[in-house]
Protein backbone atom coordinates (compact mmCIF):
# COMPACT_ATOMS: atom_id res chain seq x y z
CA MET A 1 -2.90 -22.70 31.30
CA CYS A 2 -0.35 -20.40 32.91
CA LYS A 3 0.39 -21.55 36.46
CA SER A 4 0.93 -17.92 37.47
CA ILE A 5 -0.36 -14.66 36.06
CA CYS A 6 1.75 -13.70 33.05
CA ARG A 7 2.48 -9.99 32.83
CA PHE A 8 1.77 -9.81 29.10
CA CYS A 9 -0.86 -12.53 28.57
CA THR A 10 -4.27 -11.17 27.59
CA TYR A 11 -6.40 -14.17 28.50
CA TYR A 12 -6.21 -16.90 31.13
CA TYR A 13 -8.10 -19.77 29.51
CA PRO A 14 -6.79 -22.48 27.17
CA MET A 15 -6.72 -21.84 23.45
CA PRO A 16 -6.59 -24.48 20.71
CA GLU A 17 -3.19 -25.37 19.33
CA VAL A 18 -4.12 -24.17 15.84
CA VAL A 19 -6.85 -21.99 14.40
CA GLN A 20 -8.90 -23.52 11.59
CA LEU A 21 -8.46 -21.98 8.15
CA ALA A 22 -11.44 -20.57 6.34
CA GLU A 23 -12.78 -22.78 3.59
CA GLU A 24 -11.01 -22.02 0.35
CA LYS A 25 -13.16 -20.48 -2.34
CA PRO A 26 -12.92 -21.64 -5.95
CA GLU A 27 -11.13 -19.34 -8.33
CA LYS A 28 -13.41 -16.81 -9.98
CA THR A 29 -13.95 -16.69 -13.67
CA GLN A 30 -13.27 -13.52 -15.60
CA ASN A 31 -17.03 -12.87 -15.84
CA GLU A 32 -17.42 -13.22 -12.07
CA GLN A 33 -14.48 -10.87 -11.48
CA ALA A 34 -15.94 -8.33 -13.86
CA GLY A 35 -19.23 -8.49 -11.98
CA GLU A 36 -17.75 -7.70 -8.58
CA GLY A 37 -19.31 -4.60 -7.07
CA SER A 38 -22.66 -5.32 -8.71
CA SER A 39 -25.85 -6.15 -6.88
CA ALA A 40 -25.00 -9.87 -7.18
CA SER A 41 -22.07 -9.51 -4.75
CA ALA A 42 -21.56 -7.74 -1.44
CA PRO A 43 -21.30 -3.99 -2.08
CA PRO A 44 -17.85 -2.49 -1.43
CA ARG A 45 -17.58 -0.20 1.56
CA THR A 46 -17.64 3.52 0.76
CA THR A 47 -14.50 5.25 2.02
CA TRP A 48 -15.56 8.83 1.25
CA SER A 49 -18.52 10.59 -0.33
CA GLY A 50 -18.83 14.13 -1.61
CA ASN A 51 -18.57 16.20 -4.76
CA VAL A 52 -16.07 16.65 -7.56
CA ARG A 53 -16.23 20.38 -8.27
CA ILE A 54 -15.03 22.10 -11.44
CA GLY A 55 -15.94 25.78 -11.28
CA LEU A 56 -19.72 25.83 -10.75
CA VAL A 57 -20.18 22.18 -11.76
CA ASN A 58 -20.68 19.70 -8.90
CA ILE A 59 -20.60 15.95 -9.48
CA PRO A 60 -21.67 13.90 -6.42
CA VAL A 61 -19.54 10.75 -6.09
CA LYS A 62 -18.74 7.87 -3.75
CA ALA A 63 -15.11 6.82 -3.28
CA LEU A 64 -13.98 3.22 -2.79
CA LEU A 65 -10.37 2.29 -2.09
CA MET A 66 -9.12 0.52 -5.23
CA THR A 67 -6.19 -1.32 -3.69
CA ARG A 68 -5.85 -3.64 -0.72
CA ASP A 69 -2.89 -4.95 1.20
CA VAL A 70 -2.96 -8.76 1.25
CA ARG A 71 -0.27 -10.04 3.55
CA ILE A 72 0.41 -12.76 6.09
CA SER A 73 -0.23 -11.59 9.66
CA PHE A 74 0.65 -13.38 12.86
CA ARG A 75 -0.42 -12.97 16.49
CA MET A 76 2.27 -13.52 19.11
CA LEU A 77 1.29 -16.20 21.65
CA HIS A 78 2.81 -17.34 24.92
CA ARG A 79 4.62 -20.62 24.14
CA SER A 80 3.43 -22.43 27.28
CA CYS A 81 -0.28 -21.50 27.40
CA LYS A 82 -0.90 -20.29 23.82
CA THR A 83 -2.62 -17.10 24.98
CA ALA A 84 -2.23 -13.86 23.06
CA ILE A 85 0.46 -11.35 24.01
CA SER A 86 -0.53 -7.77 24.81
CA PHE A 87 1.63 -4.73 25.42
CA LYS A 88 1.28 -2.01 28.01
CA ARG A 89 2.49 1.59 27.96
CA PHE A 90 5.28 2.53 30.34
CA CYS A 91 7.09 5.84 30.69
CA GLN A 92 10.87 5.94 31.06
CA GLU A 93 10.42 6.23 34.82
CA GLY A 94 8.88 2.73 34.79
CA ASP A 95 5.28 3.72 35.56
CA GLU A 96 2.36 2.29 33.58
CA VAL A 97 0.54 5.09 31.72
CA THR A 98 -3.16 5.24 30.82
CA LEU A 99 -4.44 6.93 27.65
CA ALA A 100 -5.90 9.77 29.73
CA ASP A 101 -2.40 10.61 31.04
CA ILE A 102 -0.76 10.87 27.61
CA VAL A 103 0.22 14.22 26.07
CA TYR A 104 2.10 14.75 22.83
CA GLY A 105 5.60 16.16 22.41
CA TYR A 106 6.78 18.03 19.31
CA PRO A 107 10.56 17.40 19.11
CA LEU A 108 12.68 20.54 19.48
CA GLY A 109 16.03 18.81 19.89
CA LYS A 110 17.60 16.09 21.99
CA ASN A 111 15.26 15.37 24.93
CA ARG A 112 13.41 18.69 24.38
CA TYR A 113 9.74 18.86 23.42
CA ALA A 114 6.94 21.35 23.06
CA VAL A 115 4.08 19.71 24.97
CA LEU A 116 0.70 19.67 23.22
CA GLU A 117 -2.65 18.40 24.39
CA LYS A 118 -4.69 16.17 22.11
CA LYS A 119 -7.48 18.76 21.88
CA GLU A 120 -4.93 21.38 20.70
CA ILE A 121 -3.78 19.06 17.92
CA GLU A 122 -7.37 18.28 16.92
CA ALA A 123 -8.16 22.00 16.70
CA ALA A 124 -5.34 22.47 14.17
CA ARG A 125 -6.60 19.73 11.83
CA PRO A 126 -8.38 20.91 8.67
CA GLU A 127 -12.14 20.67 8.69
CA SER A 128 -13.47 17.61 6.93
CA LYS A 129 -14.67 18.73 3.52
CA ASN A 130 -16.82 16.76 1.15
CA THR A 131 -15.53 18.43 -2.00
CA ILE A 132 -12.68 17.65 -4.37
CA ALA A 133 -11.93 21.11 -5.74
CA LEU A 134 -10.20 20.73 -9.11
CA ASP A 135 -7.93 23.61 -10.12
CA ARG A 136 -6.25 22.60 -13.36
CA PHE A 137 -6.24 19.99 -16.13
CA VAL A 138 -2.84 18.45 -16.81
CA ASN A 139 -1.27 15.66 -18.86
CA PHE A 140 -1.54 12.51 -16.75
CA PHE A 141 1.79 11.15 -18.01
CA GLU A 142 3.64 14.29 -16.90
CA ILE A 143 2.95 13.41 -13.27
CA ASP A 144 5.86 11.78 -11.45
CA PRO A 145 4.43 8.44 -10.15
CA HIS A 146 6.64 8.66 -7.05
CA TYR A 147 4.19 11.25 -5.75
CA PHE A 148 1.25 8.82 -5.95
CA GLU A 149 -0.17 7.60 -2.64
CA LYS A 150 -3.56 5.81 -2.68
CA THR A 151 -6.05 5.42 -5.52
CA TYR A 152 -9.82 5.48 -5.07
CA LEU A 153 -12.52 4.46 -7.51
CA LEU A 154 -15.10 7.22 -7.90
CA LEU A 155 -18.66 6.10 -8.64
CA PRO A 156 -21.57 8.39 -9.58
CA ASP A 157 -23.93 9.19 -6.73
CA ARG A 158 -27.16 10.07 -8.61
CA SER A 159 -24.99 12.10 -10.98
CA GLU A 160 -24.80 9.78 -13.98
CA ASP A 161 -25.04 12.50 -16.66
CA ALA A 162 -22.33 14.78 -15.26
CA TYR A 163 -20.13 11.81 -14.31
CA SER A 164 -20.40 10.37 -17.82
CA LEU A 165 -19.54 13.73 -19.36
CA LEU A 166 -16.39 14.14 -17.24
CA ARG A 167 -15.34 10.56 -17.94
CA SER A 168 -15.72 11.03 -21.70
CA VAL A 169 -13.79 14.30 -21.69
CA MET A 170 -10.91 12.76 -19.73
CA GLU A 171 -10.80 9.64 -21.89
CA LYS A 172 -10.76 11.52 -25.20
CA SER A 173 -8.44 14.34 -24.16
CA GLY A 174 -5.98 12.24 -22.15
CA LYS A 175 -6.10 14.93 -19.48
CA ALA A 176 -6.35 14.53 -15.73
CA ALA A 177 -7.41 17.15 -13.20
CA ILE A 178 -5.47 18.10 -10.08
CA GLY A 179 -6.90 19.65 -6.95
CA ARG A 180 -7.24 19.09 -3.20
CA ILE A 181 -9.09 16.65 -0.97
CA THR A 182 -9.45 16.42 2.81
CA MET A 183 -9.67 12.82 3.99
CA HIS A 184 -9.12 11.39 7.46
CA SER A 185 -8.52 14.94 8.75
CA ARG A 186 -5.63 15.52 6.38
CA GLU A 187 -5.55 17.66 3.24
CA ARG A 188 -3.82 16.13 0.25
CA PRO A 189 -3.23 17.02 -3.40
CA VAL A 190 -5.39 14.72 -5.53
CA LEU A 191 -5.28 13.69 -9.19
CA VAL A 192 -8.64 12.82 -10.77
CA HIS A 193 -8.19 10.77 -13.93
CA TYR A 194 -9.77 8.28 -16.33
CA TYR A 195 -9.17 4.59 -15.61
CA ARG A 196 -10.79 1.59 -17.35
CA GLN A 197 -14.23 3.08 -18.08
CA ALA A 198 -14.31 4.87 -14.73
CA ILE A 199 -13.01 7.95 -12.95
CA ALA A 200 -10.36 7.42 -10.30
CA ALA A 201 -8.84 9.77 -7.72
CA THR A 202 -5.23 9.31 -6.61
CA THR A 203 -4.06 11.14 -3.51
CA MET A 204 -0.52 12.48 -3.76
CA LYS A 205 2.38 13.32 -1.49
CA TYR A 206 3.71 16.83 -1.04
CA PRO A 207 7.07 17.70 -2.66
CA ASP A 208 8.91 17.66 0.67
CA GLU A 209 7.72 14.09 1.29
CA VAL A 210 9.55 12.68 -1.75
CA LEU A 211 13.32 12.24 -1.58
CA ASP A 212 15.22 14.08 -4.31
CA PRO A 213 18.30 12.07 -5.38
CA VAL A 214 19.93 15.03 -7.17
CA GLY A 215 21.73 16.26 -4.06
CA TYR A 216 23.70 13.06 -3.41
CA ALA A 217 27.38 13.47 -4.31
CA VAL A 218 27.92 9.72 -4.71
CA LEU A 219 25.59 9.76 -7.74
CA LYS A 220 27.58 12.56 -9.40
CA GLU A 221 30.87 10.70 -8.95
CA LEU A 222 29.85 7.43 -10.59
CA PRO A 223 32.31 6.06 -13.18
CA VAL A 224 31.39 5.99 -16.88
CA PRO A 225 30.56 2.40 -18.00
CA ARG A 226 32.95 0.82 -20.49
CA GLU A 227 31.72 0.15 -24.01
CA LYS A 228 31.89 -3.65 -23.68
CA GLU A 229 29.92 -3.51 -20.43
CA LEU A 230 27.23 -1.45 -22.14
CA GLU A 231 27.05 -3.93 -25.02
CA LEU A 232 26.54 -6.89 -22.67
CA ALA A 233 24.07 -4.94 -20.52
CA ASN A 234 22.01 -4.00 -23.61
CA GLU A 235 22.11 -7.65 -24.70
CA ILE A 236 20.68 -8.68 -21.30
CA VAL A 237 17.94 -6.03 -21.50
CA LYS A 238 17.01 -7.22 -25.00
CA GLY A 239 16.92 -10.86 -23.90
CA LEU A 240 14.69 -10.09 -20.91
CA SER A 241 12.36 -7.70 -22.72
CA GLY A 242 8.72 -8.70 -23.28
CA ASP A 243 5.10 -7.80 -22.63
CA LEU A 244 4.07 -7.02 -19.07
CA ASP A 245 1.94 -9.73 -17.44
CA PHE A 246 1.27 -8.91 -13.80
CA GLY A 247 -0.54 -12.23 -13.40
CA THR A 248 2.80 -14.05 -13.33
CA TYR A 249 3.79 -12.32 -10.09
CA LYS A 250 2.50 -14.04 -6.96
CA ASP A 251 3.25 -13.72 -3.25
CA GLY A 252 5.40 -16.83 -2.85
CA TYR A 253 5.99 -16.17 0.86
CA ARG A 254 2.25 -16.06 1.58
CA GLU A 255 1.68 -19.27 -0.42
CA ARG A 256 4.44 -21.10 1.49
CA ILE A 257 3.12 -19.99 4.89
CA GLU A 258 -0.45 -21.03 4.00
CA ALA A 259 0.84 -24.42 2.80
CA LEU A 260 2.78 -24.82 6.06
CA VAL A 261 -0.35 -24.04 8.13
CA ARG A 262 -2.44 -26.52 6.13
CA SER A 263 0.19 -29.23 6.58
CA LYS A 264 0.20 -28.66 10.36
CA MET A 265 -3.58 -28.99 10.46
CA GLU A 266 -3.32 -32.27 8.57
CA GLY A 267 -0.83 -33.64 11.09
CA SER A 268 2.33 -33.32 9.05
CA VAL A 269 4.81 -30.51 8.58
CA ILE A 270 6.29 -29.60 5.24
CA VAL A 271 9.68 -27.97 5.12
CA PRO A 272 10.04 -25.20 2.53
CA GLU A 273 12.65 -26.06 -0.07
CA ALA A 274 15.94 -24.32 0.55
CA LYS A 275 16.99 -21.78 -2.02
CA LYS A 276 19.81 -22.92 -4.27
CA ALA A 277 22.85 -20.68 -4.16
CA LYS A 278 23.83 -19.16 -7.49
CA PRO A 279 27.48 -19.26 -8.53
CA ALA A 280 29.23 -16.06 -7.55
CA ALA A 281 30.83 -13.90 -10.23
CA LYS A 282 34.24 -12.42 -9.54
CA THR A 283 33.92 -9.23 -11.55
CA LEU A 284 31.18 -7.08 -13.08
CA MET A 285 32.27 -8.11 -16.58
CA GLU A 286 32.13 -11.78 -15.65
CA ALA A 287 28.66 -11.37 -14.14
CA LEU A 288 27.45 -9.62 -17.30
CA ARG A 289 28.94 -12.31 -19.54
CA MET A 290 27.48 -15.19 -17.50
CA THR A 291 24.04 -13.55 -17.41
CA ALA A 292 24.05 -12.85 -21.16
CA GLU A 293 25.10 -16.44 -21.94
CA SER A 294 22.33 -17.87 -19.73
CA LEU A 295 19.72 -16.07 -21.84
CA LYS A 296 20.83 -17.65 -25.12
């Protein structure tokens, strides 16, 4: 334990040196994966529920977030007593600040702010709506994917007939519908589209949230590639071309950290293998030639 009170330690009792890992689950078969979300497994948590509206047609749906962020996370601990580190809020005058004493500043320039209260900000938020109002049907492949934000799986909510009709129309026509959705107190453009025997909704960024590279002078001043460079580059592209298999891409960093934790629990420590340095190429042409030759 800490012999004196640490300013940033959260707790003051001993903690174990390591935290036990959860028991590893066997890999699922394709049939088990396909059955996820059914009554045989824990039901996914509904993120949003409401209606998809096209004119006078309302289709009640439930939205589930389709993606998840799987990453390694750590908790900072005090080296000597292994207790968790916490952080406090201090103003620039050095005083500790409670949540009740915090106001919000809208930047007006260097060290200048328009001061807003939290209740004023809350009053400006859009009202939570339970409707996705669709305005127009568009070609899905005309949408710039850089505008995509998060994708949600839409499931029928006692609206099987209308849901099935919309799904069939989108599948056969190749069209998607664009509209607006208010989620987490923020209004977003949303694209409702067909995806693998279901209807999905992808929230989108506004145009001023996506960087436009056209205005950068350095891109306009790029030199024209030489013919031999283009030939070698096309040879490399041809040699590396193939069918897309996302299953071959794994989070190697996460796997190495998990292996390191398991080895510590077993009483030994594995050292990740050092990356081998690749021979450096002196020129672009040499790098192209060496890469093309390695693919033969």
